[in-house]
Amino acid sequence: MYLAKKPDKADPNEARLSRFTCCALSGAPLAAPAVVDRLGNLFNKEALVEALIHKRLPKALSHIRGLKDMIPIHLHPKPNAADQEVRFQCPVTGFEFNGKSQFLALRGCGHVLSVKALKEVKSSSCLVCHKEFDEADKMPINGTEEEVEVLRQRMEEERGKLKEKKDKKLANGLSGSKHAVAAVADAEKLENGKKGEAAPAKRFKAADHAPAHANKKVYASIFTSSNKSDFRETYSCRSLPLGRN
């Protein structure tokens, strides 16, 4: 009578059904527009965008960093499914989107098809819109642990390639900017050098500074010997050349 009561176990069928009919974040019924992340989880786009804006994503969904990690999907509605719990199905086989059958989302076009449909109709194009796709474009929805691990590795590889591409582009941009900066610096140095060069000294001319009413030639002769002559001046007086007295 004193034994602790065992917690009720969740019904695996209910858990599986909830994963395919409800948003993995809000728990609300899945409705358009719907998206799937890179690991195959289903979301209502509005709920996921709001959580990203307000930074309220749980740790389990930390791999979702932005809109690029959301892949829009197109779910095919069931006829007269308004009052039914399962409201979507495969557009080819008619299998219900309830988790009992495996489904794939094509990353290129976003259409959701059952695995059985893609196996029976072997084609490299979507069976709904006929858009070409590769094997890597097939994304399991709510896949097994092994499938999720493969998707996680693919996601990390894609992010690594994208980061490497960005780093390379940034390095090329910096290299170009360094050359541009160096060219501008050289031009500035050249300009500053020209500005810093001493201007040629202007030769002093006494005639340019003569008084207003003075004879410029006479005024200049006070400071320099402006008139050339064949007479040689004496040591004692320049005004009495030899031969004049």
Protein backbone atom coordinates (compact mmCIF):
# COMPACT_ATOMS: atom_id res chain seq x y z
CA MET A 1 0.00 0.00 0.00
CA TYR A 2 3.03 2.28 0.46
CA LEU A 3 4.45 1.66 -3.00
CA ALA A 4 4.81 4.79 -5.12
CA LYS A 5 2.35 5.08 -7.93
CA LYS A 6 3.96 4.49 -11.29
CA PRO A 7 3.62 7.37 -13.75
CA ASP A 8 1.28 6.79 -16.62
CA LYS A 9 3.08 5.82 -19.80
CA ALA A 10 2.37 7.88 -22.88
CA ASP A 11 0.58 6.02 -25.60
CA PRO A 12 3.14 5.59 -28.43
CA ASN A 13 0.40 5.77 -31.02
CA GLU A 14 -0.82 9.09 -29.64
CA ALA A 15 2.75 10.45 -29.54
CA ARG A 16 3.34 9.36 -33.14
CA LEU A 17 0.05 10.89 -34.30
CA SER A 18 0.84 14.16 -32.50
CA ARG A 19 4.19 14.47 -34.25
CA PHE A 20 2.47 14.37 -37.66
CA THR A 21 -0.63 16.43 -36.91
CA CYS A 22 0.68 19.14 -34.54
CA CYS A 23 3.37 21.81 -34.58
CA ALA A 24 6.52 20.57 -32.83
CA LEU A 25 6.89 23.94 -31.09
CA SER A 26 3.45 25.22 -30.17
CA GLY A 27 1.50 21.94 -30.12
CA ALA A 28 -1.25 23.57 -32.20
CA PRO A 29 -2.80 21.61 -35.09
CA LEU A 30 -0.61 21.67 -38.16
CA ALA A 31 -1.88 24.15 -40.75
CA ALA A 32 -0.65 26.05 -43.76
CA PRO A 33 1.77 27.70 -44.06
CA ALA A 34 3.83 24.85 -42.62
CA VAL A 35 7.58 24.37 -42.64
CA VAL A 36 10.06 21.64 -41.82
CA ASP A 37 13.52 22.19 -40.33
CA ARG A 38 16.69 20.52 -41.56
CA LEU A 39 16.17 17.57 -39.23
CA GLY A 40 12.65 16.81 -40.42
CA ASN A 41 10.55 18.37 -37.63
CA LEU A 42 7.18 19.91 -38.53
CA PHE A 43 6.15 23.45 -37.54
CA ASN A 44 3.55 26.08 -38.15
CA LYS A 45 5.61 28.82 -39.76
CA GLU A 46 4.04 31.65 -37.78
CA ALA A 47 4.79 30.03 -34.42
CA LEU A 48 8.41 29.31 -35.37
CA VAL A 49 9.06 32.81 -36.75
CA GLU A 50 7.61 34.38 -33.62
CA ALA A 51 9.82 32.21 -31.40
CA LEU A 52 12.88 33.20 -33.43
CA ILE A 53 12.07 36.90 -33.20
CA HIS A 54 11.61 36.79 -29.42
CA LYS A 55 14.46 34.26 -28.96
CA ARG A 56 12.25 31.71 -27.23
CA LEU A 57 13.38 28.57 -28.99
CA PRO A 58 14.04 25.66 -26.63
CA LYS A 59 17.50 24.15 -26.46
CA ALA A 60 16.35 21.09 -28.40
CA LEU A 61 15.72 23.37 -31.41
CA SER A 62 18.95 25.39 -31.14
CA HIS A 63 19.99 24.12 -34.57
CA ILE A 64 17.39 26.49 -36.08
CA ARG A 65 19.19 29.81 -36.51
CA GLY A 66 17.01 31.67 -38.98
CA LEU A 67 14.67 31.56 -41.93
CA LYS A 68 17.24 29.70 -44.03
CA ASP A 69 16.81 26.70 -41.73
CA MET A 70 13.08 26.53 -42.55
CA ILE A 71 11.94 24.67 -45.66
CA PRO A 72 8.39 25.54 -46.77
CA ILE A 73 6.31 22.45 -47.48
CA HIS A 74 3.03 21.79 -49.29
CA LEU A 75 0.75 19.32 -47.52
CA HIS A 76 -2.03 17.77 -49.61
CA PRO A 77 -5.36 18.07 -47.75
CA LYS A 78 -7.74 15.14 -47.39
CA PRO A 79 -11.23 15.52 -48.86
CA ASN A 80 -13.79 16.52 -46.21
CA ALA A 81 -11.12 16.54 -43.49
CA ALA A 82 -12.45 19.53 -41.56
CA ASP A 83 -13.77 17.43 -38.68
CA GLN A 84 -11.05 14.77 -38.78
CA GLU A 85 -7.88 14.64 -36.72
CA VAL A 86 -5.76 13.66 -39.70
CA ARG A 87 -6.24 16.33 -42.33
CA PHE A 88 -3.49 15.57 -44.87
CA GLN A 89 -2.55 12.68 -47.15
CA CYS A 90 -0.17 11.64 -49.91
CA PRO A 91 -1.40 13.10 -53.22
CA VAL A 92 -0.35 9.94 -55.10
CA THR A 93 -1.17 6.94 -52.88
CA GLY A 94 -3.75 8.57 -50.61
CA PHE A 95 -1.95 7.36 -47.48
CA GLU A 96 -2.91 9.39 -44.43
CA PHE A 97 -0.33 11.74 -42.96
CA ASN A 98 -0.52 10.14 -39.52
CA GLY A 99 2.92 8.55 -39.05
CA LYS A 100 1.94 5.01 -39.96
CA SER A 101 3.56 5.47 -43.36
CA GLN A 102 6.89 7.12 -44.04
CA PHE A 103 6.81 10.51 -45.75
CA LEU A 104 9.45 12.61 -47.48
CA ALA A 105 9.63 16.32 -48.23
CA LEU A 106 11.37 17.39 -51.43
CA ARG A 107 13.60 20.34 -50.63
CA GLY A 108 13.43 21.83 -54.11
CA CYS A 109 9.65 22.23 -54.40
CA GLY A 110 8.45 21.42 -50.87
CA HIS A 111 5.88 18.79 -51.83
CA VAL A 112 5.33 16.02 -49.28
CA LEU A 113 4.99 12.49 -50.67
CA SER A 114 4.92 9.02 -49.17
CA VAL A 115 8.02 6.86 -49.54
CA LYS A 116 5.89 4.17 -51.18
CA ALA A 117 4.81 6.59 -53.93
CA LEU A 118 8.43 7.48 -54.78
CA LYS A 119 9.38 3.79 -54.79
CA GLU A 120 6.54 2.69 -57.03
CA VAL A 121 6.88 5.57 -59.48
CA LYS A 122 10.60 5.82 -60.07
CA SER A 123 11.25 9.31 -61.31
CA SER A 124 13.83 12.06 -60.87
CA SER A 125 11.11 14.71 -60.88
CA CYS A 126 8.36 15.54 -58.39
CA LEU A 127 5.17 13.56 -58.98
CA VAL A 128 3.09 16.70 -58.32
CA CYS A 129 4.88 19.63 -59.98
CA HIS A 130 7.44 17.63 -62.06
CA LYS A 131 10.39 19.66 -60.79
CA GLU A 132 13.69 17.79 -60.96
CA PHE A 133 15.31 16.72 -57.69
CA ASP A 134 18.38 14.80 -56.51
CA GLU A 135 18.62 12.03 -53.94
CA ALA A 136 19.99 14.57 -51.45
CA ASP A 137 16.79 16.61 -51.81
CA LYS A 138 14.74 13.88 -50.13
CA MET A 139 14.17 14.78 -46.49
CA PRO A 140 12.52 12.24 -44.15
CA ILE A 141 9.78 13.79 -42.01
CA ASN A 142 9.96 12.73 -38.35
CA GLY A 143 12.49 10.09 -39.34
CA THR A 144 14.30 7.48 -37.25
CA GLU A 145 17.35 8.30 -35.12
CA GLU A 146 19.63 7.09 -37.91
CA GLU A 147 17.88 9.26 -40.48
CA VAL A 148 18.01 12.29 -38.20
CA GLU A 149 21.73 11.74 -37.62
CA VAL A 150 22.33 11.65 -41.39
CA LEU A 151 20.36 14.90 -41.77
CA ARG A 152 22.37 16.50 -38.97
CA GLN A 153 25.68 15.59 -40.60
CA ARG A 154 24.45 16.94 -43.92
CA MET A 155 23.40 20.18 -42.22
CA GLU A 156 26.84 20.62 -40.60
CA GLU A 157 28.57 19.94 -43.93
CA GLU A 158 26.43 22.53 -45.72
CA ARG A 159 27.10 25.10 -43.01
CA GLY A 160 30.82 24.37 -43.13
CA LYS A 161 30.91 24.89 -46.90
CA LEU A 162 28.90 28.08 -46.61
CA LYS A 163 31.22 29.44 -43.89
CA GLU A 164 34.29 28.56 -45.96
CA LYS A 165 32.80 30.35 -48.95
CA LYS A 166 32.00 33.44 -46.88
CA ASP A 167 35.49 33.50 -45.35
CA LYS A 168 37.07 33.22 -48.78
CA LYS A 169 34.90 36.02 -50.14
CA LEU A 170 35.69 38.18 -47.11
CA ALA A 171 39.42 37.51 -47.50
CA ASN A 172 39.29 38.50 -51.18
CA GLY A 173 37.39 41.65 -50.25
CA LEU A 174 39.92 42.58 -47.59
CA SER A 175 42.79 41.92 -49.99
CA GLY A 176 41.23 44.22 -52.55
CA SER A 177 40.55 46.86 -49.96
CA LYS A 178 44.16 46.67 -48.73
CA HIS A 179 45.40 47.40 -52.22
CA ALA A 180 42.92 50.25 -52.53
CA VAL A 181 43.95 51.66 -49.15
CA ALA A 182 47.62 51.37 -50.08
CA ALA A 183 47.01 53.18 -53.36
CA VAL A 184 45.13 55.95 -51.59
CA ALA A 185 47.89 56.21 -48.97
CA ASP A 186 50.56 56.46 -51.68
CA ALA A 187 48.58 59.18 -53.43
CA GLU A 188 48.20 61.09 -50.17
CA LYS A 189 51.92 60.80 -49.45
CA LEU A 190 52.73 62.08 -52.91
CA GLU A 191 50.33 64.98 -52.51
CA ASN A 192 51.65 65.80 -49.06
CA GLY A 193 55.20 65.58 -50.36
CA LYS A 194 54.40 68.06 -53.07
CA LYS A 195 52.79 70.36 -50.55
CA GLY A 196 55.75 69.99 -48.18
CA GLU A 197 58.36 70.85 -50.80
CA ALA A 198 60.00 74.22 -50.22
CA ALA A 199 58.98 76.76 -52.83
CA PRO A 200 61.90 78.12 -54.86
CA ALA A 201 63.33 81.19 -53.16
CA LYS A 202 62.28 84.43 -54.81
CA ARG A 203 65.28 86.47 -55.85
CA PHE A 204 65.46 89.84 -54.11
CA LYS A 205 65.48 92.83 -56.44
CA ALA A 206 66.15 96.23 -54.93
CA ALA A 207 64.39 97.97 -57.80
CA ASP A 208 61.11 96.33 -56.75
CA HIS A 209 61.32 98.04 -53.37
CA ALA A 210 62.21 101.54 -54.58
CA PRO A 211 60.28 104.52 -53.09
CA ALA A 212 57.41 105.92 -55.09
CA HIS A 213 59.24 108.96 -56.61
CA ALA A 214 62.74 107.46 -56.82
CA ASN A 215 64.51 106.25 -59.93
CA LYS A 216 64.56 102.47 -59.69
CA LYS A 217 67.91 102.13 -61.43
CA VAL A 218 69.56 104.71 -59.18
CA TYR A 219 67.97 103.16 -56.08
CA ALA A 220 69.16 99.71 -57.08
CA SER A 221 72.72 100.97 -57.61
CA ILE A 222 72.93 101.79 -53.90
CA PHE A 223 72.80 98.05 -53.08
CA THR A 224 74.30 96.45 -56.17
CA SER A 225 76.46 97.32 -59.10
CA SER A 226 73.68 97.58 -61.61
CA ASN A 227 75.67 99.27 -64.39
CA LYS A 228 78.36 97.21 -66.00
CA SER A 229 81.50 99.11 -66.89
CA ASP A 230 84.93 98.42 -68.29
CA PHE A 231 86.53 100.45 -65.49
CA ARG A 232 88.08 98.65 -62.56
CA GLU A 233 87.29 100.03 -59.11
CA THR A 234 89.97 100.88 -56.54
CA TYR A 235 90.25 99.30 -53.17
CA SER A 236 89.42 102.48 -51.24
CA CYS A 237 86.50 103.84 -53.23
CA ARG A 238 84.24 102.29 -55.74
CA SER A 239 82.97 105.65 -56.99
CA LEU A 240 86.38 106.77 -58.39
CA PRO A 241 87.44 104.31 -61.03
CA LEU A 242 90.94 104.48 -62.50
CA GLY A 243 91.40 106.92 -65.38
CA ARG A 244 88.68 109.38 -64.29
CA ASN A 245 90.94 111.88 -62.45
